Amino acid sequence: MSRKHLPIPARAAQHLTSGPIALRVVESTPDHVVMEMGVDYTKVTPPERSYYADYCDVRRARLGYSLFFGKLIAGTDALRTKIEVAFPEDMFIQQLWGTSREFHKALRAVAEKVSLPPTGQVTDTDKVQTFRSNNAFMGMWGEEALIDFYYLSPRDLHFLRMGHPGDVGLEGIVRVVLGTPLLFEFLEKCRPFVEGKQPDIASQPEAGHP
């Protein structure tokens, strides 16, 4: 669950969608409404695109965060391809990080039993595709894991603010398939940004550029 300030009219304040997203009023004032949002992922269509990754990184971007997932050339520290998922700061903290605290602990138990070889200085690639997401679902089964990235459209929330009830859905963006230890590493790389210990963007070298 996460909270979001949505300036919607009072007549829409008690709206519950019939789709995968449920919205409930927590607090209402003349200038804003605080909503609680819940997602039933059993009603969400998985993303059609899929990408396998054995490398990850997290960086502070000009707006929000850039989540990187890549495929290394086997036996090297050179990236063959890479995808970037741009994620807004509020949902990064509230949704991606905030809703995964117990899951993070479960990942640790598996990661401690499976050795993940460290990488050296990773050589970057110009084969990059960028996506925008503001919602993520994570799952694992043994040593296999995934992150499904979705996008909640401002268009849907606009109609809700205008008092037009209807389904508020999630657009499937991309599924990242990865090993459970790597998903644990990804969340560990998210941790410093949430705890306020991240380095300044100007001091962060790109992969392959010390």
N, C-alpha and C. Protein backbone atom coordinates (compact mmCIF):
# COMPACT_ATOMS: atom_id res chain seq x y z
N MET A 1 0.83 -1.19 0.00
CA MET A 1 0.00 0.00 0.00
C MET A 1 0.87 1.26 0.00
N SER A 2 0.38 2.29 -0.64
CA SER A 2 1.10 3.56 -0.62
C SER A 2 0.12 4.70 -0.64
N ARG A 3 0.54 5.84 -0.12
CA ARG A 3 -0.32 7.00 -0.06
C ARG A 3 0.09 8.01 -1.12
N LYS A 4 -0.91 8.68 -1.67
CA LYS A 4 -0.66 9.63 -2.75
C LYS A 4 -1.64 10.78 -2.62
N HIS A 5 -1.15 12.03 -2.74
CA HIS A 5 -2.02 13.19 -2.70
C HIS A 5 -2.68 13.36 -4.06
N LEU A 6 -4.01 13.27 -4.08
CA LEU A 6 -4.76 13.41 -5.32
C LEU A 6 -5.85 14.46 -5.12
N PRO A 7 -5.75 15.63 -5.76
CA PRO A 7 -6.78 16.65 -5.61
C PRO A 7 -8.03 16.29 -6.41
N ILE A 8 -8.91 15.49 -5.83
CA ILE A 8 -10.09 15.03 -6.54
C ILE A 8 -11.34 15.58 -5.87
N PRO A 9 -12.43 15.74 -6.63
CA PRO A 9 -13.66 16.25 -6.03
C PRO A 9 -14.25 15.28 -5.04
N ALA A 10 -15.01 15.82 -4.10
CA ALA A 10 -15.55 14.99 -3.02
C ALA A 10 -16.44 13.87 -3.54
N ARG A 11 -17.15 14.11 -4.66
CA ARG A 11 -18.07 13.08 -5.15
C ARG A 11 -17.33 11.84 -5.64
N ALA A 12 -16.01 11.97 -5.91
CA ALA A 12 -15.24 10.82 -6.36
C ALA A 12 -14.40 10.22 -5.23
N ALA A 13 -14.50 10.81 -4.05
CA ALA A 13 -13.57 10.44 -2.98
C ALA A 13 -13.73 9.02 -2.51
N GLN A 14 -14.94 8.47 -2.62
CA GLN A 14 -15.16 7.11 -2.13
C GLN A 14 -15.15 6.09 -3.25
N HIS A 15 -14.61 6.46 -4.42
CA HIS A 15 -14.64 5.58 -5.58
C HIS A 15 -13.73 4.38 -5.40
N LEU A 16 -14.24 3.20 -5.67
CA LEU A 16 -13.45 2.00 -5.75
C LEU A 16 -13.55 1.47 -7.17
N THR A 17 -12.41 1.27 -7.83
CA THR A 17 -12.45 0.81 -9.21
C THR A 17 -12.82 -0.67 -9.24
N SER A 18 -13.35 -1.09 -10.39
CA SER A 18 -13.69 -2.50 -10.57
C SER A 18 -12.54 -3.28 -11.17
N GLY A 19 -11.45 -2.60 -11.47
CA GLY A 19 -10.27 -3.25 -12.03
C GLY A 19 -9.32 -3.69 -10.94
N PRO A 20 -8.02 -3.80 -11.28
CA PRO A 20 -7.04 -4.30 -10.31
C PRO A 20 -6.65 -3.31 -9.23
N ILE A 21 -7.00 -2.03 -9.39
CA ILE A 21 -6.59 -1.01 -8.44
C ILE A 21 -7.78 -0.55 -7.61
N ALA A 22 -7.60 -0.52 -6.29
CA ALA A 22 -8.62 -0.02 -5.38
C ALA A 22 -8.10 1.23 -4.70
N LEU A 23 -8.94 2.26 -4.63
CA LEU A 23 -8.57 3.52 -4.00
C LEU A 23 -9.51 3.79 -2.82
N ARG A 24 -8.94 4.17 -1.70
CA ARG A 24 -9.74 4.46 -0.51
C ARG A 24 -9.28 5.77 0.10
N VAL A 25 -10.24 6.60 0.51
CA VAL A 25 -9.92 7.89 1.11
C VAL A 25 -9.40 7.69 2.53
N VAL A 26 -8.25 8.30 2.82
CA VAL A 26 -7.68 8.30 4.17
C VAL A 26 -7.94 9.62 4.85
N GLU A 27 -7.82 10.70 4.09
CA GLU A 27 -8.02 12.04 4.64
C GLU A 27 -8.50 12.96 3.53
N SER A 28 -9.41 13.88 3.85
CA SER A 28 -9.93 14.81 2.85
C SER A 28 -9.94 16.23 3.40
N THR A 29 -9.39 17.17 2.63
CA THR A 29 -9.40 18.59 2.97
C THR A 29 -9.87 19.36 1.74
N PRO A 30 -10.14 20.66 1.86
CA PRO A 30 -10.61 21.42 0.70
C PRO A 30 -9.65 21.43 -0.48
N ASP A 31 -8.34 21.29 -0.23
CA ASP A 31 -7.40 21.41 -1.34
C ASP A 31 -6.77 20.09 -1.77
N HIS A 32 -6.97 19.01 -1.03
CA HIS A 32 -6.41 17.74 -1.46
C HIS A 32 -7.11 16.59 -0.75
N VAL A 33 -6.94 15.40 -1.31
CA VAL A 33 -7.44 14.17 -0.71
C VAL A 33 -6.28 13.19 -0.64
N VAL A 34 -6.06 12.60 0.54
CA VAL A 34 -5.04 11.57 0.69
C VAL A 34 -5.70 10.22 0.46
N MET A 35 -5.18 9.50 -0.54
CA MET A 35 -5.77 8.22 -0.91
C MET A 35 -4.83 7.09 -0.56
N GLU A 36 -5.40 5.93 -0.26
CA GLU A 36 -4.65 4.69 -0.09
C GLU A 36 -4.93 3.83 -1.31
N MET A 37 -3.87 3.34 -1.94
CA MET A 37 -4.02 2.57 -3.16
C MET A 37 -3.57 1.14 -2.94
N GLY A 38 -4.37 0.20 -3.37
CA GLY A 38 -4.01 -1.21 -3.31
C GLY A 38 -4.14 -1.83 -4.68
N VAL A 39 -3.25 -2.77 -5.01
CA VAL A 39 -3.25 -3.42 -6.32
C VAL A 39 -3.44 -4.92 -6.15
N ASP A 40 -4.41 -5.47 -6.86
CA ASP A 40 -4.62 -6.91 -6.91
C ASP A 40 -3.93 -7.42 -8.17
N TYR A 41 -2.70 -7.93 -8.01
CA TYR A 41 -1.91 -8.32 -9.18
C TYR A 41 -2.46 -9.55 -9.89
N THR A 42 -3.40 -10.27 -9.25
CA THR A 42 -4.01 -11.41 -9.93
C THR A 42 -4.91 -10.94 -11.07
N LYS A 43 -5.28 -9.65 -11.05
CA LYS A 43 -6.13 -9.09 -12.10
C LYS A 43 -5.34 -8.28 -13.13
N VAL A 44 -4.02 -8.26 -12.98
CA VAL A 44 -3.18 -7.46 -13.86
C VAL A 44 -2.55 -8.36 -14.93
N THR A 45 -2.62 -7.93 -16.18
CA THR A 45 -1.99 -8.68 -17.27
C THR A 45 -0.48 -8.48 -17.23
N PRO A 46 0.30 -9.57 -17.21
CA PRO A 46 1.76 -9.43 -17.18
C PRO A 46 2.27 -8.69 -18.42
N PRO A 47 3.40 -8.01 -18.31
CA PRO A 47 3.98 -7.34 -19.48
C PRO A 47 4.29 -8.34 -20.59
N GLU A 48 4.10 -7.90 -21.83
CA GLU A 48 4.38 -8.77 -22.98
C GLU A 48 5.88 -8.85 -23.26
N ARG A 49 6.60 -7.76 -22.98
CA ARG A 49 8.05 -7.76 -23.22
C ARG A 49 8.76 -8.41 -22.05
N SER A 50 9.84 -9.13 -22.35
CA SER A 50 10.62 -9.80 -21.31
C SER A 50 12.10 -9.63 -21.60
N TYR A 51 12.88 -9.45 -20.52
CA TYR A 51 14.32 -9.24 -20.65
C TYR A 51 15.03 -10.02 -19.55
N TYR A 52 16.06 -10.79 -19.93
CA TYR A 52 16.84 -11.54 -18.94
C TYR A 52 18.08 -10.74 -18.57
N ALA A 53 18.34 -10.60 -17.28
CA ALA A 53 19.46 -9.79 -16.80
C ALA A 53 20.34 -10.58 -15.85
N ASP A 54 21.67 -10.33 -15.94
CA ASP A 54 22.60 -10.85 -14.95
C ASP A 54 23.46 -9.71 -14.39
N TYR A 55 22.97 -8.47 -14.57
CA TYR A 55 23.64 -7.27 -14.07
C TYR A 55 22.58 -6.24 -13.71
N CYS A 56 22.83 -5.46 -12.66
CA CYS A 56 21.90 -4.41 -12.27
C CYS A 56 22.65 -3.22 -11.69
N ASP A 57 22.02 -2.07 -11.73
CA ASP A 57 22.57 -0.87 -11.12
C ASP A 57 21.42 0.10 -10.86
N VAL A 58 21.62 1.00 -9.90
CA VAL A 58 20.62 2.02 -9.56
C VAL A 58 21.34 3.35 -9.46
N ARG A 59 20.77 4.38 -10.10
CA ARG A 59 21.40 5.70 -10.09
C ARG A 59 20.34 6.78 -9.90
N ARG A 60 20.76 7.84 -9.21
CA ARG A 60 19.92 9.02 -9.08
C ARG A 60 19.92 9.72 -10.43
N ALA A 61 18.76 10.02 -10.95
CA ALA A 61 18.64 10.68 -12.24
C ALA A 61 18.26 12.14 -12.04
N ARG A 62 18.14 12.86 -13.14
CA ARG A 62 17.74 14.25 -13.06
C ARG A 62 16.36 14.37 -12.43
N LEU A 63 15.48 13.42 -12.76
CA LEU A 63 14.17 13.32 -12.14
C LEU A 63 13.97 11.87 -11.71
N GLY A 64 13.90 11.63 -10.42
CA GLY A 64 13.68 10.28 -9.93
C GLY A 64 14.93 9.43 -10.00
N TYR A 65 14.74 8.16 -10.37
CA TYR A 65 15.82 7.20 -10.37
C TYR A 65 15.85 6.43 -11.69
N SER A 66 17.04 6.00 -12.07
CA SER A 66 17.22 5.13 -13.23
C SER A 66 17.63 3.76 -12.73
N LEU A 67 16.84 2.76 -13.08
CA LEU A 67 17.11 1.38 -12.70
C LEU A 67 17.65 0.67 -13.94
N PHE A 68 18.85 0.14 -13.84
CA PHE A 68 19.50 -0.48 -14.99
C PHE A 68 19.57 -1.99 -14.81
N PHE A 69 19.28 -2.70 -15.89
CA PHE A 69 19.42 -4.15 -15.94
C PHE A 69 20.12 -4.49 -17.24
N GLY A 70 21.12 -5.37 -17.16
CA GLY A 70 21.90 -5.67 -18.36
C GLY A 70 22.22 -7.14 -18.48
N LYS A 71 22.68 -7.49 -19.69
CA LYS A 71 23.17 -8.86 -19.97
C LYS A 71 24.64 -8.76 -20.32
N LEU A 72 25.47 -9.39 -19.48
CA LEU A 72 26.91 -9.41 -19.70
C LEU A 72 27.27 -10.43 -20.77
N ILE A 73 28.28 -10.12 -21.55
CA ILE A 73 28.84 -11.12 -22.46
C ILE A 73 29.47 -12.20 -21.59
N ALA A 74 29.11 -13.44 -21.84
CA ALA A 74 29.54 -14.54 -20.97
C ALA A 74 31.06 -14.56 -20.80
N GLY A 75 31.48 -14.68 -19.55
CA GLY A 75 32.89 -14.76 -19.23
C GLY A 75 33.62 -13.43 -19.21
N THR A 76 32.88 -12.31 -19.33
CA THR A 76 33.50 -10.98 -19.34
C THR A 76 32.74 -10.05 -18.41
N ASP A 77 33.27 -8.84 -18.26
CA ASP A 77 32.58 -7.78 -17.54
C ASP A 77 32.10 -6.71 -18.51
N ALA A 78 31.78 -7.11 -19.73
CA ALA A 78 31.29 -6.20 -20.76
C ALA A 78 29.82 -6.45 -21.00
N LEU A 79 29.04 -5.38 -21.04
CA LEU A 79 27.61 -5.51 -21.29
C LEU A 79 27.33 -5.70 -22.77
N ARG A 80 26.49 -6.70 -23.07
CA ARG A 80 26.05 -6.90 -24.45
C ARG A 80 24.89 -5.95 -24.76
N THR A 81 23.89 -5.91 -23.85
CA THR A 81 22.75 -5.02 -23.96
C THR A 81 22.37 -4.52 -22.58
N LYS A 82 21.50 -3.51 -22.53
CA LYS A 82 21.07 -2.95 -21.25
C LYS A 82 19.72 -2.27 -21.44
N ILE A 83 18.88 -2.33 -20.40
CA ILE A 83 17.66 -1.55 -20.40
C ILE A 83 17.68 -0.62 -19.20
N GLU A 84 17.00 0.51 -19.34
CA GLU A 84 16.88 1.50 -18.27
C GLU A 84 15.40 1.68 -17.96
N VAL A 85 15.04 1.61 -16.70
CA VAL A 85 13.67 1.85 -16.27
C VAL A 85 13.66 3.12 -15.43
N ALA A 86 13.09 4.19 -15.97
CA ALA A 86 13.00 5.46 -15.24
C ALA A 86 11.82 5.38 -14.27
N PHE A 87 12.09 5.67 -12.98
CA PHE A 87 11.10 5.49 -11.92
C PHE A 87 11.00 6.77 -11.11
N PRO A 88 9.80 7.31 -10.87
CA PRO A 88 9.67 8.55 -10.10
C PRO A 88 10.04 8.34 -8.63
N GLU A 89 10.52 9.40 -7.99
CA GLU A 89 11.05 9.29 -6.64
C GLU A 89 9.99 8.86 -5.63
N ASP A 90 8.80 9.45 -5.69
CA ASP A 90 7.80 9.13 -4.67
C ASP A 90 7.39 7.67 -4.72
N MET A 91 7.19 7.13 -5.93
CA MET A 91 6.79 5.73 -6.03
C MET A 91 7.96 4.78 -5.81
N PHE A 92 9.16 5.24 -6.08
CA PHE A 92 10.36 4.45 -5.77
C PHE A 92 10.42 4.17 -4.27
N ILE A 93 10.18 5.21 -3.47
CA ILE A 93 10.26 5.08 -2.02
C ILE A 93 9.02 4.39 -1.45
N GLN A 94 7.84 4.81 -1.89
CA GLN A 94 6.61 4.31 -1.28
C GLN A 94 6.20 2.94 -1.82
N GLN A 95 6.33 2.74 -3.12
CA GLN A 95 5.82 1.51 -3.70
C GLN A 95 6.91 0.45 -3.88
N LEU A 96 7.92 0.75 -4.69
CA LEU A 96 8.94 -0.25 -4.98
C LEU A 96 9.67 -0.68 -3.71
N TRP A 97 10.12 0.30 -2.91
CA TRP A 97 10.83 -0.02 -1.67
C TRP A 97 9.88 -0.30 -0.52
N GLY A 98 8.90 0.55 -0.33
CA GLY A 98 8.04 0.45 0.84
C GLY A 98 7.24 -0.83 0.93
N THR A 99 6.80 -1.36 -0.20
CA THR A 99 5.97 -2.56 -0.18
C THR A 99 6.77 -3.86 -0.29
N SER A 100 8.10 -3.76 -0.32
CA SER A 100 8.92 -4.96 -0.52
C SER A 100 9.77 -5.30 0.70
N ARG A 101 9.46 -4.74 1.88
CA ARG A 101 10.32 -4.95 3.03
C ARG A 101 10.36 -6.41 3.50
N GLU A 102 9.24 -7.07 3.58
CA GLU A 102 9.23 -8.47 4.00
C GLU A 102 9.81 -9.35 2.90
N PHE A 103 9.52 -9.02 1.65
CA PHE A 103 10.05 -9.77 0.51
C PHE A 103 11.57 -9.69 0.48
N HIS A 104 12.11 -8.51 0.79
CA HIS A 104 13.55 -8.30 0.83
C HIS A 104 14.20 -9.27 1.83
N LYS A 105 13.58 -9.46 2.98
CA LYS A 105 14.11 -10.39 3.98
C LYS A 105 14.10 -11.83 3.45
N ALA A 106 13.05 -12.20 2.74
CA ALA A 106 12.98 -13.55 2.17
C ALA A 106 14.05 -13.75 1.11
N LEU A 107 14.33 -12.73 0.33
CA LEU A 107 15.39 -12.81 -0.68
C LEU A 107 16.75 -13.03 -0.03
N ARG A 108 16.98 -12.37 1.10
CA ARG A 108 18.27 -12.50 1.78
C ARG A 108 18.54 -13.96 2.14
N ALA A 109 17.53 -14.66 2.61
CA ALA A 109 17.70 -16.05 3.03
C ALA A 109 18.19 -16.92 1.87
N VAL A 110 17.69 -16.65 0.66
CA VAL A 110 18.12 -17.40 -0.51
C VAL A 110 19.49 -16.94 -0.98
N ALA A 111 19.70 -15.62 -1.00
CA ALA A 111 20.95 -15.06 -1.49
C ALA A 111 22.14 -15.50 -0.65
N GLU A 112 21.94 -15.71 0.63
CA GLU A 112 23.03 -16.13 1.51
C GLU A 112 23.48 -17.55 1.23
N LYS A 113 22.64 -18.33 0.55
CA LYS A 113 22.97 -19.72 0.23
C LYS A 113 23.53 -19.88 -1.18
N VAL A 114 23.33 -18.88 -2.03
CA VAL A 114 23.75 -18.96 -3.42
C VAL A 114 24.78 -17.88 -3.70
N SER A 115 25.97 -18.27 -4.09
CA SER A 115 27.05 -17.32 -4.33
C SER A 115 26.83 -16.60 -5.66
N LEU A 116 26.93 -15.26 -5.61
CA LEU A 116 26.83 -14.45 -6.83
C LEU A 116 28.20 -13.82 -7.08
N PRO A 117 28.93 -14.29 -8.09
CA PRO A 117 30.28 -13.76 -8.34
C PRO A 117 30.24 -12.25 -8.56
N PRO A 118 31.17 -11.52 -7.96
CA PRO A 118 31.20 -10.06 -8.15
C PRO A 118 31.68 -9.71 -9.56
N THR A 119 31.34 -8.52 -10.01
CA THR A 119 31.83 -8.02 -11.28
C THR A 119 32.98 -7.06 -11.03
N GLY A 120 33.82 -6.89 -12.05
CA GLY A 120 34.86 -5.88 -11.98
C GLY A 120 34.33 -4.58 -12.54
N GLN A 121 35.19 -3.82 -13.19
CA GLN A 121 34.77 -2.59 -13.86
C GLN A 121 33.98 -2.96 -15.11
N VAL A 122 32.69 -2.73 -15.08
CA VAL A 122 31.82 -3.15 -16.17
C VAL A 122 31.92 -2.18 -17.35
N THR A 123 32.16 -2.74 -18.53
CA THR A 123 32.22 -1.94 -19.75
C THR A 123 30.81 -1.73 -20.27
N ASP A 124 30.45 -0.49 -20.53
CA ASP A 124 29.09 -0.13 -20.93
C ASP A 124 28.81 -0.52 -22.37
N THR A 125 27.56 -0.38 -22.77
CA THR A 125 27.12 -0.66 -24.13
C THR A 125 26.23 0.47 -24.61
N ASP A 126 26.21 0.69 -25.92
CA ASP A 126 25.31 1.70 -26.47
C ASP A 126 23.99 1.09 -26.90
N LYS A 127 23.81 -0.21 -26.66
CA LYS A 127 22.56 -0.89 -26.98
C LYS A 127 21.64 -0.81 -25.77
N VAL A 128 20.95 0.30 -25.64
CA VAL A 128 20.14 0.58 -24.46
C VAL A 128 18.71 0.93 -24.89
N GLN A 129 17.75 0.38 -24.18
CA GLN A 129 16.35 0.75 -24.39
C GLN A 129 15.79 1.27 -23.07
N THR A 130 15.07 2.39 -23.13
CA THR A 130 14.58 3.04 -21.91
C THR A 130 13.06 2.93 -21.81
N PHE A 131 12.59 2.65 -20.60
CA PHE A 131 11.17 2.55 -20.32
C PHE A 131 10.82 3.46 -19.15
N ARG A 132 9.54 3.79 -19.02
CA ARG A 132 9.04 4.56 -17.88
C ARG A 132 8.08 3.69 -17.09
N SER A 133 8.27 3.65 -15.77
CA SER A 133 7.41 2.85 -14.91
C SER A 133 7.19 3.58 -13.61
N ASN A 134 6.07 3.30 -12.94
CA ASN A 134 5.82 3.85 -11.61
C ASN A 134 5.20 2.82 -10.67
N ASN A 135 5.31 1.53 -11.06
CA ASN A 135 4.77 0.46 -10.23
C ASN A 135 5.53 -0.83 -10.56
N ALA A 136 5.89 -1.57 -9.54
CA ALA A 136 6.66 -2.80 -9.77
C ALA A 136 6.14 -3.93 -8.89
N PHE A 137 6.06 -5.12 -9.49
CA PHE A 137 5.72 -6.34 -8.76
C PHE A 137 6.94 -7.26 -8.78
N MET A 138 7.33 -7.79 -7.63
CA MET A 138 8.47 -8.69 -7.54
C MET A 138 8.03 -10.05 -7.03
N GLY A 139 8.63 -11.09 -7.59
CA GLY A 139 8.32 -12.44 -7.15
C GLY A 139 9.53 -13.34 -7.29
N MET A 140 9.52 -14.45 -6.56
CA MET A 140 10.62 -15.41 -6.68
C MET A 140 10.09 -16.81 -6.45
N TRP A 141 10.83 -17.77 -7.00
CA TRP A 141 10.56 -19.18 -6.77
C TRP A 141 11.92 -19.87 -6.72
N GLY A 142 12.40 -20.13 -5.52
CA GLY A 142 13.74 -20.69 -5.38
C GLY A 142 14.78 -19.69 -5.85
N GLU A 143 15.60 -20.10 -6.81
CA GLU A 143 16.67 -19.24 -7.32
C GLU A 143 16.22 -18.42 -8.53
N GLU A 144 14.95 -18.54 -8.92
CA GLU A 144 14.42 -17.77 -10.05
C GLU A 144 13.58 -16.61 -9.53
N ALA A 145 13.73 -15.44 -10.14
CA ALA A 145 12.98 -14.27 -9.68
C ALA A 145 12.62 -13.39 -10.88
N LEU A 146 11.77 -12.42 -10.62
CA LEU A 146 11.38 -11.48 -11.68
C LEU A 146 10.90 -10.18 -11.07
N ILE A 147 10.93 -9.15 -11.90
CA ILE A 147 10.30 -7.87 -11.59
C ILE A 147 9.42 -7.51 -12.78
N ASP A 148 8.13 -7.35 -12.54
CA ASP A 148 7.21 -6.86 -13.56
C ASP A 148 7.02 -5.37 -13.36
N PHE A 149 7.38 -4.59 -14.37
CA PHE A 149 7.23 -3.14 -14.29
C PHE A 149 5.95 -2.72 -15.00
N TYR A 150 5.20 -1.84 -14.34
CA TYR A 150 3.93 -1.34 -14.86
C TYR A 150 3.91 0.19 -14.84
N TYR A 151 2.91 0.73 -15.53
CA TYR A 151 2.75 2.19 -15.55
C TYR A 151 1.30 2.54 -15.25
N LEU A 152 1.09 3.36 -14.23
CA LEU A 152 -0.23 3.88 -13.88
C LEU A 152 -0.37 5.24 -14.54
N SER A 153 -1.27 5.34 -15.49
CA SER A 153 -1.38 6.51 -16.34
C SER A 153 -2.03 7.70 -15.64
N PRO A 154 -1.46 8.90 -15.80
CA PRO A 154 -2.12 10.11 -15.30
C PRO A 154 -3.49 10.32 -15.94
N ARG A 155 -3.68 9.76 -17.12
CA ARG A 155 -4.99 9.86 -17.80
C ARG A 155 -6.08 9.22 -16.95
N ASP A 156 -5.82 8.00 -16.43
CA ASP A 156 -6.81 7.31 -15.61
C ASP A 156 -7.10 8.10 -14.34
N LEU A 157 -6.05 8.62 -13.72
CA LEU A 157 -6.23 9.39 -12.49
C LEU A 157 -6.92 10.72 -12.77
N HIS A 158 -6.71 11.27 -13.96
CA HIS A 158 -7.38 12.52 -14.34
C HIS A 158 -8.90 12.31 -14.36
N PHE A 159 -9.35 11.22 -15.00
CA PHE A 159 -10.78 10.97 -15.07
C PHE A 159 -11.36 10.68 -13.69
N LEU A 160 -10.56 10.06 -12.83
CA LEU A 160 -11.01 9.84 -11.47
C LEU A 160 -11.17 11.16 -10.75
N ARG A 161 -10.23 12.08 -10.93
CA ARG A 161 -10.31 13.39 -10.30
C ARG A 161 -11.53 14.16 -10.79
N MET A 162 -11.90 13.93 -12.07
CA MET A 162 -13.05 14.61 -12.63
C MET A 162 -14.37 13.96 -12.22
N GLY A 163 -14.28 12.86 -11.45
CA GLY A 163 -15.49 12.23 -10.96
C GLY A 163 -16.11 11.24 -11.91
N HIS A 164 -15.33 10.73 -12.88
CA HIS A 164 -15.83 9.73 -13.82
C HIS A 164 -15.35 8.36 -13.38
N PRO A 165 -16.19 7.56 -12.74
CA PRO A 165 -15.76 6.24 -12.28
C PRO A 165 -15.47 5.31 -13.44
N GLY A 166 -14.66 4.34 -13.20
CA GLY A 166 -14.29 3.36 -14.21
C GLY A 166 -13.05 2.62 -13.78
N ASP A 167 -12.61 1.71 -14.62
CA ASP A 167 -11.43 0.93 -14.30
C ASP A 167 -10.18 1.80 -14.36
N VAL A 168 -9.34 1.69 -13.34
CA VAL A 168 -8.02 2.31 -13.34
C VAL A 168 -7.03 1.16 -13.44
N GLY A 169 -6.39 1.03 -14.58
CA GLY A 169 -5.57 -0.14 -14.83
C GLY A 169 -4.09 0.15 -14.80
N LEU A 170 -3.29 -0.91 -14.93
CA LEU A 170 -1.85 -0.81 -15.01
C LEU A 170 -1.41 -1.29 -16.39
N GLU A 171 -0.60 -0.49 -17.05
CA GLU A 171 -0.07 -0.87 -18.35
C GLU A 171 1.21 -1.67 -18.15
N GLY A 172 1.26 -2.88 -18.69
CA GLY A 172 2.46 -3.70 -18.58
C GLY A 172 3.59 -3.12 -19.42
N ILE A 173 4.74 -2.88 -18.81
CA ILE A 173 5.87 -2.25 -19.51
C ILE A 173 6.91 -3.29 -19.90
N VAL A 174 7.54 -3.93 -18.94
CA VAL A 174 8.55 -4.93 -19.24
C VAL A 174 8.73 -5.86 -18.04
N ARG A 175 8.95 -7.14 -18.33
CA ARG A 175 9.28 -8.11 -17.29
C ARG A 175 10.78 -8.35 -17.32
N VAL A 176 11.43 -8.16 -16.17
CA VAL A 176 12.86 -8.44 -16.04
C VAL A 176 13.00 -9.77 -15.29
N VAL A 177 13.57 -10.75 -15.97
CA VAL A 177 13.81 -12.07 -15.38
C VAL A 177 15.26 -12.11 -14.91
N LEU A 178 15.47 -12.55 -13.67
CA LEU A 178 16.82 -12.55 -13.11
C LEU A 178 16.90 -13.56 -11.99
N GLY A 179 18.11 -13.88 -11.56
CA GLY A 179 18.27 -14.80 -10.46
C GLY A 179 17.92 -14.15 -9.14
N THR A 180 17.47 -14.95 -8.17
CA THR A 180 17.09 -14.42 -6.87
C THR A 180 18.23 -13.64 -6.19
N PRO A 181 19.50 -14.13 -6.25
CA PRO A 181 20.58 -13.35 -5.63
C PRO A 181 20.75 -11.98 -6.28
N LEU A 182 20.50 -11.88 -7.59
CA LEU A 182 20.63 -10.59 -8.27
C LEU A 182 19.50 -9.65 -7.88
N LEU A 183 18.30 -10.18 -7.66
CA LEU A 183 17.20 -9.34 -7.21
C LEU A 183 17.50 -8.80 -5.81
N PHE A 184 18.10 -9.63 -4.97
CA PHE A 184 18.51 -9.16 -3.65
C PHE A 184 19.57 -8.06 -3.80
N GLU A 185 20.53 -8.26 -4.71
CA GLU A 185 21.55 -7.24 -4.95
C GLU A 185 20.93 -5.94 -5.44
N PHE A 186 19.91 -6.03 -6.28
CA PHE A 186 19.22 -4.85 -6.78
C PHE A 186 18.61 -4.05 -5.63
N LEU A 187 17.91 -4.73 -4.72
CA LEU A 187 17.29 -4.03 -3.59
C LEU A 187 18.34 -3.46 -2.65
N GLU A 188 19.47 -4.15 -2.51
CA GLU A 188 20.55 -3.61 -1.69
C GLU A 188 21.11 -2.34 -2.33
N LYS A 189 21.13 -2.28 -3.65
CA LYS A 189 21.60 -1.07 -4.33
C LYS A 189 20.58 0.05 -4.24
N CYS A 190 19.32 -0.29 -4.00
CA CYS A 190 18.29 0.73 -3.79
C CYS A 190 18.40 1.34 -2.38
N ARG A 191 18.88 0.55 -1.43
CA ARG A 191 18.86 0.93 -0.03
C ARG A 191 19.49 2.29 0.26
N PRO A 192 20.71 2.59 -0.25
CA PRO A 192 21.34 3.87 0.09
C PRO A 192 20.52 5.09 -0.32
N PHE A 193 19.78 4.97 -1.42
CA PHE A 193 18.98 6.10 -1.89
C PHE A 193 17.80 6.35 -0.95
N VAL A 194 17.24 5.29 -0.41
CA VAL A 194 16.11 5.43 0.51
C VAL A 194 16.59 5.93 1.87
N GLU A 195 17.77 5.49 2.28
CA GLU A 195 18.29 5.87 3.59
C GLU A 195 19.04 7.19 3.55
N GLY A 196 19.05 7.87 2.39
CA GLY A 196 19.63 9.20 2.29
C GLY A 196 21.14 9.23 2.28
N LYS A 197 21.78 8.14 1.82
CA LYS A 197 23.23 8.08 1.81
C LYS A 197 23.79 8.03 0.39
N GLN A 198 22.94 8.31 -0.60
CA GLN A 198 23.39 8.19 -1.97
C GLN A 198 24.38 9.29 -2.34
N PRO A 199 25.36 8.99 -3.20
CA PRO A 199 26.29 10.02 -3.65
C PRO A 199 25.62 10.99 -4.59
N ASP A 200 26.20 12.17 -4.73
CA ASP A 200 25.68 13.16 -5.66
C ASP A 200 25.79 12.64 -7.07
N ILE A 201 24.81 13.01 -7.93
CA ILE A 201 24.77 12.50 -9.29
C ILE A 201 26.04 12.83 -10.05
N ALA A 202 26.65 13.98 -9.78
CA ALA A 202 27.85 14.40 -10.50
C ALA A 202 29.04 13.53 -10.18
N SER A 203 29.02 12.83 -9.03
CA SER A 203 30.14 12.01 -8.61
C SER A 203 30.00 10.57 -9.00
N GLN A 204 28.89 10.19 -9.69
CA GLN A 204 28.65 8.81 -10.04
C GLN A 204 29.16 8.52 -11.45
N PRO A 205 30.21 7.70 -11.61
CA PRO A 205 30.69 7.37 -12.95
C PRO A 205 29.76 6.42 -13.67
N GLU A 206 29.67 6.56 -14.97
CA GLU A 206 28.93 5.61 -15.76
C GLU A 206 29.73 4.32 -15.85
N ALA A 207 29.03 3.20 -16.13
CA ALA A 207 29.73 1.93 -16.28
C ALA A 207 30.76 2.03 -17.40
N GLY A 208 31.99 1.63 -17.09
CA GLY A 208 33.04 1.68 -18.08
C GLY A 208 33.75 3.00 -18.15
N HIS A 209 33.33 3.98 -17.30
CA HIS A 209 33.95 5.31 -17.30
C HIS A 209 34.30 5.70 -15.88
N PRO A 210 35.46 5.28 -15.35
CA PRO A 210 35.82 5.55 -13.95
C PRO A 210 36.01 7.03 -13.71
